[in-house]
Full PDB file with SEQRES, HELIX, SHEET, SSBOND, CRYST1, ORIGX, SCALE, CONECT and MASTER records, all heavy atoms in Angstrom:
SEQRES   1 A   40  LYS VAL VAL GLU LEU GLY VAL PRO ILE ILE TYR HIS SER          
SEQRES   2 A   40  GLY PRO THR GLY GLY ASN SER PRO THR ALA ILE CYS ASN          
SEQRES   3 A   40  VAL ALA ASP LYS PHE PRO LYS LEU ASN LEU ILE VAL GLY          
SEQRES   4 A   40  HIS                                                          
HELIX    1 AA1 VAL A    2  LEU A    5  1                                   4    
HELIX    2 AA2 GLY A   17  ASN A   19  5                                   3    
HELIX    3 AA3 PRO A   21  LYS A   30  1                                  10    
SHEET    1 AA1 2 ILE A   9  TYR A  11  0                                        
SHEET    2 AA1 2 LEU A  36  VAL A  38  1                                        
CRYST1    1.000    1.000    1.000  90.00  90.00  90.00 P 1           1          
ORIGX1      1.000000  0.000000  0.000000        0.00000                         
ORIGX2      0.000000  1.000000  0.000000        0.00000                         
ORIGX3      0.000000  0.000000  1.000000        0.00000                         
SCALE1      1.000000  0.000000  0.000000        0.00000                         
SCALE2      0.000000  1.000000  0.000000        0.00000                         
SCALE3      0.000000  0.000000  1.000000        0.00000                         
ATOM      1  N   LYS A   1      18.127  -9.313  37.330  1.00  0.00           N  
ATOM      2  CA  LYS A   1      18.780 -10.286  36.451  1.00  0.00           C  
ATOM      3  C   LYS A   1      20.069 -10.814  37.080  1.00  0.00           C  
ATOM      4  O   LYS A   1      20.356 -12.019  37.012  1.00  0.00           O  
ATOM      5  CB  LYS A   1      19.070  -9.654  35.089  1.00  0.00           C  
ATOM      6  CG  LYS A   1      19.895 -10.528  34.138  1.00  0.00           C  
ATOM      7  CD  LYS A   1      19.267 -11.890  33.900  1.00  0.00           C  
ATOM      8  CE  LYS A   1      17.942 -11.807  33.186  1.00  0.00           C  
ATOM      9  NZ  LYS A   1      17.432 -13.166  32.834  1.00  0.00           N  
ATOM     10  N   VAL A   2      20.842  -9.936  37.707  1.00  0.00           N  
ATOM     11  CA  VAL A   2      22.084 -10.384  38.350  1.00  0.00           C  
ATOM     12  C   VAL A   2      21.770 -11.326  39.511  1.00  0.00           C  
ATOM     13  O   VAL A   2      22.472 -12.323  39.723  1.00  0.00           O  
ATOM     14  CB  VAL A   2      22.917  -9.181  38.822  1.00  0.00           C  
ATOM     15  CG1 VAL A   2      24.201  -9.661  39.498  1.00  0.00           C  
ATOM     16  CG2 VAL A   2      23.270  -8.271  37.645  1.00  0.00           C  
ATOM     17  N   VAL A   3      20.710 -11.036  40.277  1.00  0.00           N  
ATOM     18  CA  VAL A   3      20.271 -11.965  41.329  1.00  0.00           C  
ATOM     19  C   VAL A   3      19.955 -13.321  40.720  1.00  0.00           C  
ATOM     20  O   VAL A   3      20.359 -14.369  41.245  1.00  0.00           O  
ATOM     21  CB  VAL A   3      19.037 -11.403  42.083  1.00  0.00           C  
ATOM     22  CG1 VAL A   3      18.465 -12.472  43.015  1.00  0.00           C  
ATOM     23  CG2 VAL A   3      19.405 -10.160  42.880  1.00  0.00           C  
ATOM     24  N   GLU A   4      19.242 -13.323  39.617  1.00  0.00           N  
ATOM     25  CA  GLU A   4      18.892 -14.569  38.931  1.00  0.00           C  
ATOM     26  C   GLU A   4      20.135 -15.332  38.491  1.00  0.00           C  
ATOM     27  O   GLU A   4      20.178 -16.575  38.584  1.00  0.00           O  
ATOM     28  CB  GLU A   4      18.016 -14.242  37.719  1.00  0.00           C  
ATOM     29  CG  GLU A   4      17.606 -15.448  36.880  1.00  0.00           C  
ATOM     30  CD  GLU A   4      16.880 -15.028  35.618  1.00  0.00           C  
ATOM     31  OE1 GLU A   4      16.001 -14.138  35.692  1.00  0.00           O  
ATOM     32  OE2 GLU A   4      17.190 -15.581  34.540  1.00  0.00           O  
ATOM     33  N   LEU A   5      21.140 -14.619  38.034  1.00  0.00           N  
ATOM     34  CA  LEU A   5      22.375 -15.263  37.569  1.00  0.00           C  
ATOM     35  C   LEU A   5      23.237 -15.764  38.731  1.00  0.00           C  
ATOM     36  O   LEU A   5      24.110 -16.611  38.536  1.00  0.00           O  
ATOM     37  CB  LEU A   5      23.176 -14.287  36.705  1.00  0.00           C  
ATOM     38  CG  LEU A   5      22.541 -13.914  35.365  1.00  0.00           C  
ATOM     39  CD1 LEU A   5      23.281 -12.754  34.723  1.00  0.00           C  
ATOM     40  CD2 LEU A   5      22.514 -15.119  34.426  1.00  0.00           C  
ATOM     41  N   GLY A   6      23.018 -15.226  39.926  1.00  0.00           N  
ATOM     42  CA  GLY A   6      23.720 -15.713  41.106  1.00  0.00           C  
ATOM     43  C   GLY A   6      25.175 -15.320  41.204  1.00  0.00           C  
ATOM     44  O   GLY A   6      25.997 -16.070  41.750  1.00  0.00           O  
ATOM     45  N   VAL A   7      25.527 -14.135  40.698  1.00  0.00           N  
ATOM     46  CA  VAL A   7      26.918 -13.681  40.753  1.00  0.00           C  
ATOM     47  C   VAL A   7      26.991 -12.359  41.531  1.00  0.00           C  
ATOM     48  O   VAL A   7      25.998 -11.647  41.649  1.00  0.00           O  
ATOM     49  CB  VAL A   7      27.505 -13.491  39.340  1.00  0.00           C  
ATOM     50  CG1 VAL A   7      27.555 -14.821  38.607  1.00  0.00           C  
ATOM     51  CG2 VAL A   7      26.714 -12.460  38.541  1.00  0.00           C  
ATOM     52  N   PRO A   8      28.164 -12.029  42.069  1.00  0.00           N  
ATOM     53  CA  PRO A   8      28.307 -10.774  42.806  1.00  0.00           C  
ATOM     54  C   PRO A   8      28.569  -9.588  41.898  1.00  0.00           C  
ATOM     55  O   PRO A   8      28.921  -9.745  40.729  1.00  0.00           O  
ATOM     56  CB  PRO A   8      29.529 -11.047  43.699  1.00  0.00           C  
ATOM     57  CG  PRO A   8      30.360 -11.994  42.888  1.00  0.00           C  
ATOM     58  CD  PRO A   8      29.370 -12.862  42.139  1.00  0.00           C  
ATOM     59  N   ILE A   9      28.395  -8.398  42.487  1.00  0.00           N  
ATOM     60  CA  ILE A   9      28.735  -7.136  41.813  1.00  0.00           C  
ATOM     61  C   ILE A   9      29.809  -6.444  42.626  1.00  0.00           C  
ATOM     62  O   ILE A   9      29.702  -6.324  43.853  1.00  0.00           O  
ATOM     63  CB  ILE A   9      27.509  -6.210  41.711  1.00  0.00           C  
ATOM     64  CG1 ILE A   9      26.476  -6.765  40.732  1.00  0.00           C  
ATOM     65  CG2 ILE A   9      27.932  -4.797  41.272  1.00  0.00           C  
ATOM     66  CD1 ILE A   9      25.176  -5.974  40.693  1.00  0.00           C  
ATOM     67  N   ILE A  10      30.853  -5.974  41.958  1.00  0.00           N  
ATOM     68  CA  ILE A  10      31.821  -5.090  42.590  1.00  0.00           C  
ATOM     69  C   ILE A  10      31.664  -3.702  41.982  1.00  0.00           C  
ATOM     70  O   ILE A  10      31.592  -3.548  40.764  1.00  0.00           O  
ATOM     71  CB  ILE A  10      33.276  -5.590  42.464  1.00  0.00           C  
ATOM     72  CG1 ILE A  10      34.229  -4.657  43.204  1.00  0.00           C  
ATOM     73  CG2 ILE A  10      33.696  -5.774  41.012  1.00  0.00           C  
ATOM     74  CD1 ILE A  10      35.646  -5.198  43.352  1.00  0.00           C  
ATOM     75  N   TYR A  11      31.557  -2.691  42.852  1.00  0.00           N  
ATOM     76  CA  TYR A  11      31.427  -1.312  42.403  1.00  0.00           C  
ATOM     77  C   TYR A  11      32.762  -0.582  42.517  1.00  0.00           C  
ATOM     78  O   TYR A  11      33.490  -0.762  43.501  1.00  0.00           O  
ATOM     79  CB  TYR A  11      30.443  -0.539  43.292  1.00  0.00           C  
ATOM     80  CG  TYR A  11      29.006  -0.937  43.201  1.00  0.00           C  
ATOM     81  CD1 TYR A  11      28.464  -1.828  44.118  1.00  0.00           C  
ATOM     82  CD2 TYR A  11      28.161  -0.393  42.228  1.00  0.00           C  
ATOM     83  CE1 TYR A  11      27.121  -2.179  44.068  1.00  0.00           C  
ATOM     84  CE2 TYR A  11      26.821  -0.738  42.173  1.00  0.00           C  
ATOM     85  CZ  TYR A  11      26.310  -1.632  43.096  1.00  0.00           C  
ATOM     86  OH  TYR A  11      24.975  -1.964  43.044  1.00  0.00           O  
ATOM     87  N   HIS A  12      33.049   0.272  41.553  1.00  0.00           N  
ATOM     88  CA  HIS A  12      34.001   1.330  41.833  1.00  0.00           C  
ATOM     89  C   HIS A  12      33.279   2.271  42.783  1.00  0.00           C  
ATOM     90  O   HIS A  12      32.195   2.756  42.482  1.00  0.00           O  
ATOM     91  CB  HIS A  12      34.404   2.086  40.572  1.00  0.00           C  
ATOM     92  CG  HIS A  12      35.252   3.274  40.868  1.00  0.00           C  
ATOM     93  ND1 HIS A  12      36.621   3.186  41.005  1.00  0.00           N  
ATOM     94  CD2 HIS A  12      34.922   4.570  41.117  1.00  0.00           C  
ATOM     95  CE1 HIS A  12      37.094   4.382  41.309  1.00  0.00           C  
ATOM     96  NE2 HIS A  12      36.081   5.237  41.385  1.00  0.00           N  
ATOM     97  N   SER A  13      33.849   2.511  43.950  1.00  0.00           N  
ATOM     98  CA  SER A  13      33.176   3.362  44.931  1.00  0.00           C  
ATOM     99  C   SER A  13      34.048   4.557  45.273  1.00  0.00           C  
ATOM    100  O   SER A  13      35.245   4.587  44.976  1.00  0.00           O  
ATOM    101  CB  SER A  13      32.843   2.578  46.198  1.00  0.00           C  
ATOM    102  OG  SER A  13      34.019   2.253  46.909  1.00  0.00           O  
ATOM    103  N   GLY A  14      33.429   5.539  45.901  1.00  0.00           N  
ATOM    104  CA  GLY A  14      34.153   6.748  46.276  1.00  0.00           C  
ATOM    105  C   GLY A  14      33.200   7.786  46.826  1.00  0.00           C  
ATOM    106  O   GLY A  14      32.036   7.485  47.111  1.00  0.00           O  
ATOM    107  N   PRO A  15      33.664   9.022  46.970  1.00  0.00           N  
ATOM    108  CA  PRO A  15      32.869  10.042  47.636  1.00  0.00           C  
ATOM    109  C   PRO A  15      31.733  10.623  46.803  1.00  0.00           C  
ATOM    110  O   PRO A  15      30.862  11.301  47.351  1.00  0.00           O  
ATOM    111  CB  PRO A  15      33.897  11.127  47.964  1.00  0.00           C  
ATOM    112  CG  PRO A  15      34.952  10.972  46.909  1.00  0.00           C  
ATOM    113  CD  PRO A  15      35.025   9.505  46.642  1.00  0.00           C  
ATOM    114  N   THR A  16      31.722  10.387  45.502  1.00  0.00           N  
ATOM    115  CA  THR A  16      30.662  10.951  44.680  1.00  0.00           C  
ATOM    116  C   THR A  16      29.367  10.180  44.891  1.00  0.00           C  
ATOM    117  O   THR A  16      29.374   8.978  45.165  1.00  0.00           O  
ATOM    118  CB  THR A  16      31.041  10.911  43.192  1.00  0.00           C  
ATOM    119  OG1 THR A  16      31.361   9.568  42.823  1.00  0.00           O  
ATOM    120  CG2 THR A  16      32.255  11.798  42.930  1.00  0.00           C  
ATOM    121  N   GLY A  17      28.233  10.862  44.759  1.00  0.00           N  
ATOM    122  CA  GLY A  17      26.948  10.277  45.090  1.00  0.00           C  
ATOM    123  C   GLY A  17      26.590   9.032  44.317  1.00  0.00           C  
ATOM    124  O   GLY A  17      25.962   8.119  44.846  1.00  0.00           O  
ATOM    125  N   GLY A  18      26.988   8.968  43.041  1.00  0.00           N  
ATOM    126  CA  GLY A  18      26.575   7.850  42.198  1.00  0.00           C  
ATOM    127  C   GLY A  18      27.111   6.515  42.616  1.00  0.00           C  
ATOM    128  O   GLY A  18      26.510   5.479  42.317  1.00  0.00           O  
ATOM    129  N   ASN A  19      28.259   6.499  43.298  1.00  0.00           N  
ATOM    130  CA  ASN A  19      28.838   5.226  43.728  1.00  0.00           C  
ATOM    131  C   ASN A  19      29.355   5.287  45.161  1.00  0.00           C  
ATOM    132  O   ASN A  19      30.301   4.596  45.520  1.00  0.00           O  
ATOM    133  CB  ASN A  19      29.940   4.772  42.783  1.00  0.00           C  
ATOM    134  CG  ASN A  19      31.004   5.812  42.492  1.00  0.00           C  
ATOM    135  OD1 ASN A  19      31.672   5.738  41.472  1.00  0.00           O  
ATOM    136  ND2 ASN A  19      31.199   6.787  43.363  1.00  0.00           N  
ATOM    137  N   SER A  20      28.732   6.102  45.988  1.00  0.00           N  
ATOM    138  CA  SER A  20      29.140   6.205  47.386  1.00  0.00           C  
ATOM    139  C   SER A  20      28.695   4.959  48.156  1.00  0.00           C  
ATOM    140  O   SER A  20      27.746   4.273  47.749  1.00  0.00           O  
ATOM    141  CB  SER A  20      28.507   7.433  48.039  1.00  0.00           C  
ATOM    142  OG  SER A  20      27.106   7.264  48.157  1.00  0.00           O  
ATOM    143  N   PRO A  21      29.348   4.641  49.276  1.00  0.00           N  
ATOM    144  CA  PRO A  21      28.897   3.503  50.084  1.00  0.00           C  
ATOM    145  C   PRO A  21      27.435   3.614  50.494  1.00  0.00           C  
ATOM    146  O   PRO A  21      26.719   2.609  50.540  1.00  0.00           O  
ATOM    147  CB  PRO A  21      29.833   3.556  51.297  1.00  0.00           C  
ATOM    148  CG  PRO A  21      31.095   4.160  50.765  1.00  0.00           C  
ATOM    149  CD  PRO A  21      30.621   5.192  49.782  1.00  0.00           C  
ATOM    150  N   THR A  22      26.971   4.828  50.768  1.00  0.00           N  
ATOM    151  CA  THR A  22      25.573   5.008  51.151  1.00  0.00           C  
ATOM    152  C   THR A  22      24.636   4.631  50.015  1.00  0.00           C  
ATOM    153  O   THR A  22      23.603   3.980  50.224  1.00  0.00           O  
ATOM    154  CB  THR A  22      25.306   6.460  51.578  1.00  0.00           C  
ATOM    155  OG1 THR A  22      26.167   6.797  52.669  1.00  0.00           O  
ATOM    156  CG2 THR A  22      23.869   6.645  51.997  1.00  0.00           C  
ATOM    157  N   ALA A  23      24.976   5.041  48.786  1.00  0.00           N  
ATOM    158  CA  ALA A  23      24.151   4.668  47.629  1.00  0.00           C  
ATOM    159  C   ALA A  23      24.152   3.157  47.429  1.00  0.00           C  
ATOM    160  O   ALA A  23      23.118   2.559  47.113  1.00  0.00           O  
ATOM    161  CB  ALA A  23      24.651   5.377  46.377  1.00  0.00           C  
ATOM    162  N   ILE A  24      25.313   2.530  47.637  1.00  0.00           N  
ATOM    163  CA  ILE A  24      25.407   1.077  47.483  1.00  0.00           C  
ATOM    164  C   ILE A  24      24.557   0.367  48.521  1.00  0.00           C  
ATOM    165  O   ILE A  24      23.927  -0.657  48.237  1.00  0.00           O  
ATOM    166  CB  ILE A  24      26.880   0.634  47.562  1.00  0.00           C  
ATOM    167  CG1 ILE A  24      27.656   1.180  46.345  1.00  0.00           C  
ATOM    168  CG2 ILE A  24      26.989  -0.885  47.611  1.00  0.00           C  
ATOM    169  CD1 ILE A  24      29.157   1.005  46.438  1.00  0.00           C  
ATOM    170  N   CYS A  25      24.485   0.922  49.741  1.00  0.00           N  
ATOM    171  CA  CYS A  25      23.679   0.282  50.780  1.00  0.00           C  
ATOM    172  C   CYS A  25      22.202   0.317  50.423  1.00  0.00           C  
ATOM    173  O   CYS A  25      21.438  -0.572  50.821  1.00  0.00           O  
ATOM    174  CB  CYS A  25      23.942   0.888  52.154  1.00  0.00           C  
ATOM    175  SG  CYS A  25      22.927   2.308  52.592  1.00  0.00           S  
ATOM    176  N   ASN A  26      21.764   1.329  49.655  1.00  0.00           N  
ATOM    177  CA  ASN A  26      20.378   1.360  49.187  1.00  0.00           C  
ATOM    178  C   ASN A  26      20.073   0.142  48.318  1.00  0.00           C  
ATOM    179  O   ASN A  26      18.987  -0.444  48.405  1.00  0.00           O  
ATOM    180  CB  ASN A  26      20.098   2.623  48.392  1.00  0.00           C  
ATOM    181  CG  ASN A  26      20.230   3.900  49.184  1.00  0.00           C  
ATOM    182  OD1 ASN A  26      20.536   4.953  48.637  1.00  0.00           O  
ATOM    183  ND2 ASN A  26      19.994   3.842  50.494  1.00  0.00           N  
ATOM    184  N   VAL A  27      21.049  -0.234  47.477  1.00  0.00           N  
ATOM    185  CA  VAL A  27      20.887  -1.418  46.632  1.00  0.00           C  
ATOM    186  C   VAL A  27      20.877  -2.681  47.486  1.00  0.00           C  
ATOM    187  O   VAL A  27      20.063  -3.589  47.285  1.00  0.00           O  
ATOM    188  CB  VAL A  27      22.011  -1.486  45.578  1.00  0.00           C  
ATOM    189  CG1 VAL A  27      21.825  -2.710  44.672  1.00  0.00           C  
ATOM    190  CG2 VAL A  27      22.055  -0.216  44.739  1.00  0.00           C  
ATOM    191  N   ALA A  28      21.766  -2.739  48.473  1.00  0.00           N  
ATOM    192  CA  ALA A  28      21.835  -3.905  49.361  1.00  0.00           C  
ATOM    193  C   ALA A  28      20.532  -4.106  50.113  1.00  0.00           C  
ATOM    194  O   ALA A  28      20.086  -5.241  50.321  1.00  0.00           O  
ATOM    195  CB  ALA A  28      22.994  -3.743  50.339  1.00  0.00           C  
ATOM    196  N   ASP A  29      19.923  -3.008  50.519  1.00  0.00           N  
ATOM    197  CA  ASP A  29      18.671  -3.073  51.262  1.00  0.00           C  
ATOM    198  C   ASP A  29      17.530  -3.570  50.374  1.00  0.00           C  
ATOM    199  O   ASP A  29      16.681  -4.361  50.806  1.00  0.00           O  
ATOM    200  CB  ASP A  29      18.342  -1.692  51.821  1.00  0.00           C  
ATOM    201  CG  ASP A  29      17.192  -1.721  52.811  1.00  0.00           C  
ATOM    202  OD1 ASP A  29      17.260  -2.508  53.778  1.00  0.00           O  
ATOM    203  OD2 ASP A  29      16.227  -0.968  52.622  1.00  0.00           O  
ATOM    204  N   LYS A  30      17.511  -3.137  49.129  1.00  0.00           N  
ATOM    205  CA  LYS A  30      16.433  -3.509  48.208  1.00  0.00           C  
ATOM    206  C   LYS A  30      16.604  -4.929  47.677  1.00  0.00           C  
ATOM    207  O   LYS A  30      15.613  -5.625  47.398  1.00  0.00           O  
ATOM    208  CB  LYS A  30      16.380  -2.513  47.049  1.00  0.00           C  
ATOM    209  CG  LYS A  30      15.227  -2.751  46.090  1.00  0.00           C  
ATOM    210  CD  LYS A  30      15.204  -1.725  44.971  1.00  0.00           C  
ATOM    211  CE  LYS A  30      14.722  -0.375  45.430  1.00  0.00           C  
ATOM    212  NZ  LYS A  30      14.522   0.570  44.297  1.00  0.00           N  
ATOM    213  N   PHE A  31      17.863  -5.385  47.557  1.00  0.00           N  
ATOM    214  CA  PHE A  31      18.149  -6.706  46.980  1.00  0.00           C  
ATOM    215  C   PHE A  31      19.005  -7.527  47.948  1.00  0.00           C  
ATOM    216  O   PHE A  31      20.214  -7.682  47.750  1.00  0.00           O  
ATOM    217  CB  PHE A  31      18.858  -6.561  45.631  1.00  0.00           C  
ATOM    218  CG  PHE A  31      18.046  -5.845  44.591  1.00  0.00           C  
ATOM    219  CD1 PHE A  31      18.208  -4.482  44.383  1.00  0.00           C  
ATOM    220  CD2 PHE A  31      17.106  -6.530  43.844  1.00  0.00           C  
ATOM    221  CE1 PHE A  31      17.451  -3.817  43.428  1.00  0.00           C  
ATOM    222  CE2 PHE A  31      16.341  -5.875  42.886  1.00  0.00           C  
ATOM    223  CZ  PHE A  31      16.513  -4.510  42.679  1.00  0.00           C  
ATOM    224  N   PRO A  32      18.415  -8.056  49.014  1.00  0.00           N  
ATOM    225  CA  PRO A  32      19.195  -8.756  50.047  1.00  0.00           C  
ATOM    226  C   PRO A  32      19.867 -10.039  49.564  1.00  0.00           C  
ATOM    227  O   PRO A  32      20.805 -10.521  50.218  1.00  0.00           O  
ATOM    228  CB  PRO A  32      18.151  -9.048  51.137  1.00  0.00           C  
ATOM    229  CG  PRO A  32      16.836  -9.019  50.427  1.00  0.00           C  
ATOM    230  CD  PRO A  32      16.979  -7.978  49.347  1.00  0.00           C  
ATOM    231  N   LYS A  33      19.427 -10.595  48.436  1.00  0.00           N  
ATOM    232  CA  LYS A  33      20.062 -11.806  47.904  1.00  0.00           C  
ATOM    233  C   LYS A  33      21.203 -11.488  46.943  1.00  0.00           C  
ATOM    234  O   LYS A  33      21.829 -12.409  46.404  1.00  0.00           O  
ATOM    235  CB  LYS A  33      19.020 -12.668  47.194  1.00  0.00           C  
ATOM    236  CG  LYS A  33      17.961 -13.236  48.121  1.00  0.00           C  
ATOM    237  CD  LYS A  33      17.000 -14.147  47.375  1.00  0.00           C  
ATOM    238  CE  LYS A  33      15.954 -14.733  48.312  1.00  0.00           C  
ATOM    239  NZ  LYS A  33      15.015 -15.630  47.597  1.00  0.00           N  
ATOM    240  N   LEU A  34      21.489 -10.206  46.747  1.00  0.00           N  
ATOM    241  CA  LEU A  34      22.546  -9.774  45.829  1.00  0.00           C  
ATOM    242  C   LEU A  34      23.787  -9.401  46.623  1.00  0.00           C  
ATOM    243  O   LEU A  34      23.754  -8.493  47.458  1.00  0.00           O  
ATOM    244  CB  LEU A  34      22.059  -8.574  45.018  1.00  0.00           C  
ATOM    245  CG  LEU A  34      22.991  -7.978  43.967  1.00  0.00           C  
ATOM    246  CD1 LEU A  34      23.418  -9.025  42.955  1.00  0.00           C  
ATOM    247  CD2 LEU A  34      22.312  -6.801  43.274  1.00  0.00           C  
ATOM    248  N   ASN A  35      24.876 -10.119  46.403  1.00  0.00           N  
ATOM    249  CA  ASN A  35      26.128  -9.822  47.104  1.00  0.00           C  
ATOM    250  C   ASN A  35      26.854  -8.671  46.413  1.00  0.00           C  
ATOM    251  O   ASN A  35      27.114  -8.724  45.203  1.00  0.00           O  
ATOM    252  CB  ASN A  35      27.026 -11.058  47.150  1.00  0.00           C  
ATOM    253  CG  ASN A  35      26.491 -12.112  48.102  1.00  0.00           C  
ATOM    254  OD1 ASN A  35      25.874 -11.785  49.123  1.00  0.00           O  
ATOM    255  ND2 ASN A  35      26.705 -13.373  47.780  1.00  0.00           N  
ATOM    256  N   LEU A  36      27.173  -7.637  47.188  1.00  0.00           N  
ATOM    257  CA  LEU A  36      27.768  -6.408  46.667  1.00  0.00           C  
ATOM    258  C   LEU A  36      29.115  -6.165  47.319  1.00  0.00           C  
ATOM    259  O   LEU A  36      29.255  -6.290  48.537  1.00  0.00           O  
ATOM    260  CB  LEU A  36      26.836  -5.216  46.951  1.00  0.00           C  
ATOM    261  CG  LEU A  36      25.392  -5.360  46.464  1.00  0.00           C  
ATOM    262  CD1 LEU A  36      24.560  -4.180  46.946  1.00  0.00           C  
ATOM    263  CD2 LEU A  36      25.344  -5.467  44.948  1.00  0.00           C  
ATOM    264  N   ILE A  37      30.090  -5.798  46.509  1.00  0.00           N  
ATOM    265  CA  ILE A  37      31.443  -5.511  46.995  1.00  0.00           C  
ATOM    266  C   ILE A  37      31.723  -4.032  46.797  1.00  0.00           C  
ATOM    267  O   ILE A  37      31.646  -3.526  45.680  1.00  0.00           O  
ATOM    268  CB  ILE A  37      32.489  -6.357  46.248  1.00  0.00           C  
ATOM    269  CG1 ILE A  37      32.164  -7.853  46.368  1.00  0.00           C  
ATOM    270  CG2 ILE A  37      33.894  -6.055  46.781  1.00  0.00           C  
ATOM    271  CD1 ILE A  37      32.926  -8.724  45.385  1.00  0.00           C  
ATOM    272  N   VAL A  38      32.037  -3.336  47.887  1.00  0.00           N  
ATOM    273  CA  VAL A  38      32.388  -1.917  47.826  1.00  0.00           C  
ATOM    274  C   VAL A  38      33.862  -1.813  47.459  1.00  0.00           C  
ATOM    275  O   VAL A  38      34.735  -2.029  48.300  1.00  0.00           O  
ATOM    276  CB  VAL A  38      32.106  -1.204  49.168  1.00  0.00           C  
ATOM    277  CG1 VAL A  38      32.456   0.279  49.070  1.00  0.00           C  
ATOM    278  CG2 VAL A  38      30.652  -1.385  49.570  1.00  0.00           C  
ATOM    279  N   GLY A  39      34.138  -1.542  46.193  1.00  0.00           N  
ATOM    280  CA  GLY A  39      35.521  -1.451  45.749  1.00  0.00           C  
ATOM    281  C   GLY A  39      36.272  -0.315  46.426  1.00  0.00           C  
ATOM    282  O   GLY A  39      35.699   0.729  46.729  1.00  0.00           O  
ATOM    283  N   HIS A  40      37.551  -0.548  46.693  1.00  0.00           N  
ATOM    284  CA  HIS A  40      38.438   0.461  47.288  1.00  0.00           C  
ATOM    285  C   HIS A  40      38.026   0.839  48.712  1.00  0.00           C  
ATOM    286  O   HIS A  40      38.475   1.861  49.229  1.00  0.00           O  
ATOM    287  CB  HIS A  40      38.502   1.737  46.432  1.00  0.00           C  
ATOM    288  CG  HIS A  40      38.755   1.491  44.987  1.00  0.00           C  
ATOM    289  ND1 HIS A  40      39.855   0.786  44.536  1.00  0.00           N  
ATOM    290  CD2 HIS A  40      38.049   1.843  43.869  1.00  0.00           C  
ATOM    291  CE1 HIS A  40      39.822   0.719  43.209  1.00  0.00           C  
ATOM    292  NE2 HIS A  40      38.730   1.338  42.784  1.00  0.00           N  
TER     293      HIS A  40                                                      
MASTER        0    0    0    3    2    0    0    6  292    1    0    4          
END                                                                             
C-alpha cells in the first residue's frame, strides 16, 4: 500500500532485531520501489 501511495518510510532503527539495518534491508530487497530511510 505504501508503494502504491508513493511515499517514503523512515524507521526508528537500532541494534535490536525488529528495526536493525539488516532487517530493514530485507524490506528494501523485497520492495525495490519503496524508498526506506534508516533513522539515526
